[in-house]
Protein backbone atom coordinates (compact mmCIF):
# COMPACT_ATOMS: atom_id res chain seq x y z
CA MET A 1 130.05 135.07 104.07
CA PHE A 2 128.90 137.91 102.00
CA ASN A 3 130.65 140.08 100.23
CA PHE A 4 130.23 143.79 100.71
CA LYS A 5 128.68 144.39 97.43
CA GLN A 6 125.93 141.11 98.01
CA TRP A 7 125.56 143.10 101.89
CA LEU A 8 125.10 146.65 99.94
CA VAL A 9 122.14 145.07 97.63
CA LEU A 10 120.56 142.97 100.74
CA LEU A 11 120.70 146.17 102.48
CA VAL A 12 119.12 148.16 99.67
CA CYS A 13 116.35 146.04 99.25
CA SER A 14 115.63 145.59 102.84
CA LEU A 15 114.91 149.30 102.84
CA VAL A 16 112.58 149.59 99.45
CA ILE A 17 110.73 146.78 101.51
CA MET A 18 110.52 148.96 104.76
CA LYS A 19 109.33 151.75 102.00
CA THR A 20 107.16 150.84 100.39
CA GLU A 21 105.04 148.44 102.13
CA GLY A 22 104.06 150.67 104.73
CA LEU A 23 100.13 149.62 103.86
CA PHE A 24 99.26 146.55 106.03
CA VAL A 25 95.32 145.55 105.57
CA ASN A 26 93.47 143.72 108.02
CA ILE A 27 91.93 140.41 106.92
CA THR A 28 88.15 139.72 105.92
CA TYR A 29 86.60 136.48 106.40
CA VAL A 30 83.70 135.13 104.31
CA ARG A 31 81.85 133.09 107.22
CA ASN A 32 78.65 132.96 105.53
CA ALA A 33 80.77 131.13 102.63
CA VAL A 34 80.93 127.76 104.93
CA ALA A 35 77.13 127.36 104.57
CA LYS A 36 77.68 127.35 100.86
CA GLY A 37 80.24 125.09 101.12
CA ALA A 38 82.88 127.38 99.70
CA VAL A 39 85.62 126.27 101.46
CA CYS A 40 89.66 126.14 102.01
CA LEU A 41 91.43 122.52 102.20
CA ASP A 42 90.61 122.33 105.99
CA GLY A 43 87.13 123.45 105.56
CA SER A 44 88.04 126.90 106.99
CA PRO A 45 86.18 130.06 105.63
CA PRO A 46 88.01 131.60 102.65
CA ALA A 47 89.77 135.14 102.93
CA TYR A 48 90.68 138.47 101.48
CA HIS A 49 92.08 141.72 102.33
CA LEU A 50 90.76 144.97 100.76
CA ASP A 51 92.21 148.66 100.78
CA ARG A 52 89.44 151.20 99.66
CA GLY A 53 89.78 153.20 96.59
CA SER A 54 89.34 157.04 96.93
CA GLY A 55 88.93 160.09 94.80
CA THR A 56 89.46 159.24 90.98
CA GLY A 57 89.63 155.60 92.21
CA VAL A 58 86.49 154.85 94.16
CA ASN A 59 84.68 152.86 91.50
CA SER A 60 87.78 151.15 90.41
CA TRP A 61 88.54 147.67 91.28
CA LEU A 62 92.06 145.69 91.37
CA ILE A 63 91.29 142.07 92.39
CA GLN A 64 95.18 139.94 92.92
CA LEU A 65 94.69 136.50 93.42
CA GLU A 66 97.21 134.74 95.56
CA GLY A 67 99.89 132.10 94.05
CA GLY A 68 101.41 129.01 95.72
CA GLY A 69 101.31 126.35 93.55
CA TRP A 70 98.79 123.47 93.86
CA CYS A 71 98.45 119.75 95.08
CA ASN A 72 97.92 116.89 93.21
CA ASN A 73 97.34 114.21 95.17
CA VAL A 74 96.12 113.74 98.91
CA THR A 75 99.74 113.45 100.46
CA ASN A 76 100.21 116.85 99.43
CA CYS A 77 97.32 118.30 100.08
CA LEU A 78 97.43 117.11 103.70
CA SER A 79 100.45 118.87 104.30
CA ARG A 80 99.20 122.10 102.81
CA MET A 81 95.75 122.28 104.69
CA HIS A 82 98.17 123.25 107.74
CA THR A 83 99.60 125.98 106.19
CA ARG A 84 98.13 129.14 104.60
CA LEU A 85 97.96 127.89 101.26
CA GLY A 86 95.27 125.56 102.79
CA SER A 87 93.42 126.94 105.76
CA SER A 88 92.45 130.62 106.53
CA LYS A 89 93.38 129.56 110.34
CA LYS A 90 97.09 130.12 109.48
CA MET A 91 97.00 133.35 107.46
CA VAL A 92 98.23 136.51 108.43
CA GLU A 93 95.98 139.21 110.08
CA ASN A 94 97.98 141.69 108.48
CA LEU A 95 99.14 141.82 105.18
CA ALA A 96 101.64 144.10 103.05
CA PHE A 97 100.31 145.97 100.38
CA SER A 98 103.15 146.87 98.07
CA ALA A 99 103.55 147.09 94.34
CA ILE A 100 101.04 146.92 92.08
CA LEU A 101 98.60 147.10 95.22
CA SER A 102 100.78 150.30 97.02
CA ASN A 103 98.79 153.01 97.39
CA LYS A 104 101.52 155.78 96.97
CA LYS A 105 101.23 156.94 93.54
CA GLN A 106 105.08 157.60 93.14
CA TYR A 107 105.22 153.22 93.37
CA ASN A 108 101.71 152.36 91.73
CA PRO A 109 100.99 155.38 89.54
CA ASP A 110 97.66 154.05 87.82
CA PHE A 111 96.12 151.96 90.45
CA TYR A 112 97.28 153.53 93.73
CA ASN A 113 93.77 155.19 94.52
CA TRP A 114 91.28 151.71 93.54
CA ASN A 115 89.60 149.67 95.06
CA ARG A 116 92.53 146.82 95.79
CA VAL A 117 91.80 143.65 96.94
CA LYS A 118 94.33 140.05 97.60
CA VAL A 119 91.86 137.34 97.29
CA ARG A 120 93.85 134.45 99.57
CA TYR A 121 94.92 130.94 97.82
CA CYS A 122 94.14 128.03 100.23
CA ASP A 123 92.36 125.25 97.59
CA GLY A 124 95.09 124.36 95.84
CA SER A 125 93.95 123.91 92.55
CA SER A 126 94.03 127.65 90.89
CA PHE A 127 89.94 128.33 92.56
CA THR A 128 88.95 125.84 89.85
CA GLY A 129 88.17 121.98 91.79
CA ASP A 130 84.45 121.38 93.22
CA VAL A 131 84.08 117.94 94.64
CA GLN A 132 81.00 118.01 96.93
CA ALA A 133 82.37 114.30 99.07
CA VAL A 134 84.34 114.48 101.70
CA ASN A 135 86.30 111.43 102.97
CA PRO A 136 86.24 111.89 106.89
CA ALA A 137 89.69 110.18 107.20
CA THR A 138 91.54 113.50 105.78
CA ASN A 139 88.82 115.95 105.96
CA LEU A 140 89.63 117.45 103.04
CA HIS A 141 87.61 119.55 101.21
CA PHE A 142 88.11 120.45 97.13
CA ARG A 143 86.16 123.67 96.50
CA GLY A 144 88.36 125.86 94.60
CA ALA A 145 85.99 127.39 92.10
CA ARG A 146 82.94 127.85 94.70
CA ILE A 147 85.69 130.17 97.05
CA TRP A 148 86.66 132.09 93.62
CA LEU A 149 82.29 132.49 93.01
CA ALA A 150 81.99 133.10 96.91
CA VAL A 151 84.60 136.09 97.04
CA MET A 152 83.29 137.78 93.99
CA GLN A 153 79.72 137.73 94.86
CA GLU A 154 81.09 139.28 98.44
CA LEU A 155 82.92 141.98 96.22
CA LEU A 156 80.25 142.38 94.29
CA ALA A 157 77.70 143.42 97.13
CA LYS A 158 80.69 145.45 98.76
CA GLY A 159 80.85 148.03 95.23
CA MET A 160 82.09 146.21 92.84
CA ARG A 161 79.15 146.04 90.51
CA ASN A 162 79.30 149.10 90.45
CA ALA A 163 82.75 149.01 88.91
CA GLU A 164 83.85 151.45 86.35
CA ASN A 165 87.16 150.04 86.07
CA ALA A 166 87.97 146.41 86.99
CA VAL A 167 91.05 143.84 86.21
CA LEU A 168 91.48 140.68 87.53
CA SER A 169 95.07 139.94 88.04
CA GLY A 170 96.94 137.35 90.19
CA CYS A 171 100.79 135.84 89.93
CA SER A 172 101.75 132.20 89.11
CA ALA A 173 99.00 129.93 89.96
CA GLY A 174 97.09 133.03 90.92
CA GLY A 175 98.19 134.19 87.75
CA LEU A 176 96.90 130.88 86.03
CA ALA A 177 93.75 131.51 88.15
CA SER A 178 93.53 134.85 86.53
CA LEU A 179 93.46 133.51 82.84
CA MET A 180 91.11 130.94 83.67
CA HIS A 181 88.57 133.14 85.46
CA CYS A 182 88.96 135.83 82.83
CA ASP A 183 85.58 135.91 81.08
CA SER A 184 83.58 134.47 83.80
CA PHE A 185 84.86 137.54 86.33
CA ARG A 186 83.74 140.28 82.77
CA ALA A 187 80.31 138.41 82.96
CA LEU A 188 79.84 138.92 86.45
CA LEU A 189 80.13 142.93 86.16
CA PRO A 190 78.38 145.64 84.48
CA MET A 191 78.04 146.00 80.70
CA GLY A 192 79.84 149.36 80.61
CA SER A 193 82.29 148.84 82.58
CA ARG A 194 86.25 148.25 81.05
CA VAL A 195 86.99 145.05 82.30
CA LYS A 196 90.65 143.36 81.86
CA CYS A 197 92.91 140.47 82.96
CA LEU A 198 96.46 140.51 83.82
CA SER A 199 98.18 137.29 84.54
CA ASP A 200 101.09 137.38 85.42
CA ALA A 201 104.14 134.50 85.70
CA GLY A 202 100.90 132.54 84.47
CA PHE A 203 101.55 130.92 81.50
CA PHE A 204 102.84 127.38 82.37
CA LEU A 205 104.43 125.79 79.45
CA ASN A 206 103.38 121.83 78.15
CA THR A 207 106.50 120.55 77.20
CA ARG A 208 109.32 118.10 78.66
CA ASP A 209 111.68 117.95 81.14
CA VAL A 210 115.07 117.46 80.51
CA SER A 211 114.70 113.80 80.75
CA GLY A 212 111.89 113.92 77.93
CA VAL A 213 109.48 113.19 80.44
CA GLN A 214 106.07 115.24 80.06
CA TYR A 215 105.89 115.47 83.97
CA ILE A 216 104.61 118.80 84.21
CA LYS A 217 101.48 117.93 81.61
CA GLN A 218 100.89 114.50 84.02
CA TYR A 219 101.25 116.54 87.39
CA PHE A 220 98.10 118.99 86.18
CA GLN A 221 96.43 115.46 84.66
CA ASP A 222 96.82 114.54 88.44
CA VAL A 223 95.41 118.31 90.00
CA VAL A 224 92.41 118.17 87.43
CA THR A 225 91.60 114.53 88.56
CA LEU A 226 91.80 115.26 92.71
CA HIS A 227 89.79 118.57 92.31
CA GLY A 228 87.32 117.44 89.93
CA SER A 229 88.01 120.87 88.09
CA ALA A 230 87.03 119.89 84.38
CA LYS A 231 83.96 121.51 84.74
CA ASN A 232 85.07 124.73 86.08
CA LEU A 233 87.77 124.78 83.37
CA PRO A 234 86.80 127.19 80.13
CA ARG A 235 84.42 125.02 78.03
CA SER A 236 85.99 127.23 74.74
CA CYS A 237 88.95 124.66 75.43
CA THR A 238 87.27 121.04 77.19
CA SER A 239 85.32 121.12 74.27
CA ARG A 240 88.19 120.42 71.95
CA LEU A 241 90.78 119.06 74.09
CA THR A 242 90.71 116.33 77.66
CA PRO A 243 90.54 118.72 80.50
CA ALA A 244 94.05 118.52 82.17
CA MET A 245 95.61 120.42 78.38
CA CYS A 246 93.01 123.14 79.19
CA PHE A 247 94.85 123.83 82.63
CA PHE A 248 97.55 124.98 80.12
CA PRO A 249 97.67 128.85 78.80
CA GLN A 250 98.58 128.01 75.00
CA TYR A 251 95.47 125.97 74.71
CA VAL A 252 92.57 128.29 76.42
CA ALA A 253 94.33 132.33 75.99
CA ARG A 254 92.87 132.36 72.24
CA GLN A 255 89.81 131.95 73.35
CA ILE A 256 89.59 134.24 75.53
CA ARG A 257 87.47 137.38 75.05
CA THR A 258 87.98 139.78 77.38
CA PRO A 259 90.83 141.66 77.01
CA LEU A 260 94.13 139.86 78.50
CA PHE A 261 97.70 140.82 79.60
CA ILE A 262 100.41 138.30 79.24
CA LEU A 263 103.40 139.13 81.77
CA ASN A 264 105.76 136.75 81.81
CA ALA A 265 109.48 135.90 82.12
CA ALA A 266 111.17 133.72 79.33
CA TYR A 267 112.67 132.12 81.48
CA ASP A 268 111.14 131.92 84.39
CA SER A 269 112.54 130.60 87.06
CA TRP A 270 109.75 128.22 88.49
CA GLN A 271 109.33 127.14 85.05
CA ILE A 272 112.80 126.47 85.08
CA LYS A 273 112.88 124.57 88.54
CA ASN A 274 109.77 122.60 88.37
CA ILE A 275 108.97 121.89 84.95
CA LEU A 276 112.42 121.64 82.38
CA ALA A 277 114.02 120.32 85.05
CA PRO A 278 112.25 118.92 88.11
CA ARG A 279 113.90 117.05 90.81
CA ALA A 280 112.43 113.47 89.45
CA ALA A 281 114.09 114.53 85.88
CA ASP A 282 117.98 115.39 87.75
CA PRO A 283 118.45 112.71 90.78
CA TYR A 284 122.15 113.60 91.05
CA GLY A 285 121.41 117.48 91.23
CA LYS A 286 123.54 118.95 87.80
CA TRP A 287 120.87 121.46 87.63
CA GLN A 288 120.92 122.39 90.98
CA SER A 289 123.36 124.82 90.77
CA CYS A 290 121.88 126.61 87.51
CA GLN A 291 118.66 126.87 89.16
CA LEU A 292 120.41 128.62 92.13
CA ASP A 293 121.88 131.23 89.80
CA ILE A 294 121.57 131.87 86.00
CA LYS A 295 124.91 133.05 86.01
CA ASN A 296 126.00 129.35 87.41
CA CYS A 297 124.79 127.27 84.80
CA HIS A 298 126.99 125.15 82.02
CA PRO A 299 126.69 126.20 78.27
CA SER A 300 125.15 123.20 77.69
CA GLN A 301 122.27 123.87 80.34
CA LEU A 302 122.15 128.04 78.93
CA LYS A 303 121.21 125.98 75.45
CA VAL A 304 118.48 123.98 76.91
CA MET A 305 117.18 126.93 78.78
CA GLN A 306 117.22 129.11 75.13
CA ASP A 307 115.51 126.30 73.79
CA PHE A 308 112.73 126.13 76.50
CA ARG A 309 112.59 130.27 75.54
CA LEU A 310 112.14 129.31 72.07
CA GLU A 311 109.35 126.64 72.83
CA PHE A 312 107.80 129.41 74.79
CA LEU A 313 107.77 131.90 72.37
CA SER A 314 106.41 129.75 69.92
CA ALA A 315 103.01 129.25 72.21
CA VAL A 316 102.83 132.82 73.19
CA ILE A 317 103.03 134.03 69.68
CA SER A 318 100.52 130.88 68.27
CA LEU A 319 97.80 132.76 70.44
CA GLY A 320 97.32 134.97 67.14
CA ARG A 321 97.56 138.64 67.12
CA SER A 322 95.11 140.55 69.02
CA SER A 323 94.25 144.34 68.93
CA SER A 324 93.28 143.77 72.66
CA ARG A 325 95.91 141.49 74.05
CA GLY A 326 98.95 143.38 75.91
CA MET A 327 102.26 141.31 76.05
CA PHE A 328 105.87 141.85 78.39
CA ILE A 329 108.44 138.68 77.99
CA ASP A 330 111.56 139.66 79.38
CA SER A 331 114.32 138.11 79.46
CA CYS A 332 114.92 137.83 83.14
CA TYR A 333 115.60 134.73 85.65
CA THR A 334 112.80 135.50 87.79
CA HIS A 335 108.97 134.56 88.70
CA CYS A 336 106.25 137.12 89.70
CA GLN A 337 107.14 141.06 89.07
CA THR A 338 103.72 142.46 89.80
CA GLU A 339 104.15 142.09 93.71
CA THR A 340 107.72 143.16 94.01
CA GLN A 341 108.45 146.38 94.08
CA THR A 342 111.83 146.82 92.40
CA SER A 343 110.05 144.72 89.36
CA TRP A 344 106.71 146.49 89.31
CA PHE A 345 108.33 150.69 89.53
CA TRP A 346 111.45 151.39 90.56
CA GLN A 347 114.63 153.57 89.53
CA ASP A 348 116.16 150.29 87.88
CA SER A 349 113.25 148.28 87.44
CA PRO A 350 113.46 145.72 84.14
CA ILE A 351 112.47 147.89 80.93
CA LEU A 352 111.50 146.73 77.48
CA ASN A 353 111.09 149.49 74.95
CA ARG A 354 112.19 152.24 77.39
CA THR A 355 109.26 151.16 79.64
CA THR A 356 108.46 149.65 83.13
CA ILE A 357 106.04 146.63 83.76
CA ALA A 358 104.00 149.53 85.62
CA LYS A 359 103.87 151.64 82.46
CA ALA A 360 103.07 148.82 79.65
CA VAL A 361 100.42 147.49 82.28
CA GLY A 362 99.07 151.14 83.33
CA ASP A 363 99.09 152.33 79.14
CA TRP A 364 97.33 148.91 78.39
CA VAL A 365 94.63 149.30 81.09
CA TYR A 366 93.55 153.07 80.31
CA ASP A 367 94.01 152.19 76.63
CA ARG A 368 96.62 155.15 76.50
CA THR A 369 98.74 152.85 74.34
CA LEU A 370 98.36 149.08 73.46
CA PHE A 371 102.11 146.95 74.28
CA GLN A 372 103.41 144.03 72.94
CA LYS A 373 107.03 143.31 73.44
CA ILE A 374 109.56 140.26 73.52
CA ASP A 375 113.16 140.84 75.01
CA CYS A 376 115.96 139.92 72.91
CA PRO A 377 117.80 136.28 74.67
CA TYR A 378 119.43 136.15 78.14
CA PRO A 379 122.36 138.03 78.67
CA CYS A 380 121.13 140.60 76.44
CA ASN A 381 118.79 143.01 79.15
CA PRO A 382 120.80 144.82 81.71
CA THR A 383 117.99 146.11 83.44
CA CYS A 384 116.82 142.68 84.40
CA HIS A 385 116.55 141.69 88.05
CA HIS A 386 117.76 137.71 88.06
CA ARG A 387 116.83 135.76 91.37
CA VAL A 388 119.53 134.45 93.33
CA PHE A 389 117.98 131.59 95.50
CA THR A 390 119.39 129.82 98.32
CA PRO A 391 119.32 126.03 98.48
CA LEU A 392 116.99 125.79 101.03
CA ASP A 393 114.08 127.02 98.24
CA ALA A 394 112.38 124.12 98.37
CA PRO A 395 110.31 123.83 94.99
CA PRO A 396 106.51 124.54 95.83
CA ILE A 397 105.17 121.55 94.18
C-alpha cells in the first residue's frame, strides 16, 4: 500500500503530465522509403511525428531520435519486430510532445516554437544497420542506416534544407544515435546554419560488470555483427579500432567535429541495471533491490557504483577540453532527462551551478554560455529526481 507521501508524489506527477502533454502529434509514415529498402525490422515503413515551427522558430529544427535499447540476436529481434520498436504498424497514431518537444514557452523556453520532430525507432541498431539479404524464414530487415537517411531526406524536403538552426538530439539508444550521426547530420545542412548535437543518456561505458565480465562489449559486438553496422559507424573511429569498440561514445566523441552536448547521469539507472550488474552477472538477484531504488543499496554496492561513476567521469574527461562541447553530468539515479518535464524544466528540476538542464542546453545552443559542469558524488545533490522502479520493470536488453 502507498503511504500518503507516495500518493501525493504520484498525484503531482500525474497533474504535471496532464498539464504539459496537451499536445498530441500525428504520425507520418515514410512510405516511399520502402522502395529503397529503408524499413523497420518487420519490413514496415519508418515513421516520425512533426510539429511545425512558428514565428522566430520557423526555420529552426529539433530532431529527437527515439530510444529503446537494441536487439543483438535473431531471437531478440523476432520478439522486437512485433512491438513498436520493430514495426511502425504497432506505433501509436498520436504521440504526446512534452519537455524538449513541448510547444509551450513556459515548459520549453528555447525550442517551443521550433520545428520539432520525433523520429521513431524500429530497427534495433541505433540507426546503423544495413544488411541487404533478408532471410525468408524470419523476414527480419536490418536497415537502420537506410531509415536514418530516408527520414532525413524527407525532412530536408519539408523545409529542413533551409534551416538556420538545427539540433540533432536523442535519448538512450537515440542519444547514442545522435552522437554517431552527428557529423553526417551536419553534412546534410547548409554551410551557414548553426548545427549542434545533444546526446541524452547515450554515453554507454565500456566497462566490466560486477562479475568481472565484459558483458556490454560482447553485446555491442553482437549488435554490430548482426546488423552489419561496421560500415556505418564513424570512420574516424573504425580506422583505429574494431567496429564493436566504435559503438562506445568514449572512443568516438573526441573526433566529432560538430558541437556536441553530453547530458548524462553519472549513476545512469539503465547502465547500473544492464551494464554494471546485468542479470547474467547477478544470478541470485543481490542487486535487484538496489537497482529498483538507490536508497536500498548496501554500502558495498554504493562503493561499486561510486567506482563506476569515477570510471565514467574518466572516460568523459579523457575526451579532452573543447570550446564547443557542452556537458551536464549530474549525480541523479535516472535515465533520459530531456523527455520528462520535471527533469527538463520545472520548478524543482535538477540543477547544477544553479542551472536547469533546459537552460544549460539552450544557452549552449544559442552560444550564450558554454556549460561544462560535473556534479559532486551521490547523495550530495538534493535537487535530483531519483527514479524508483517496480519489480516489473524489465531491462530493455
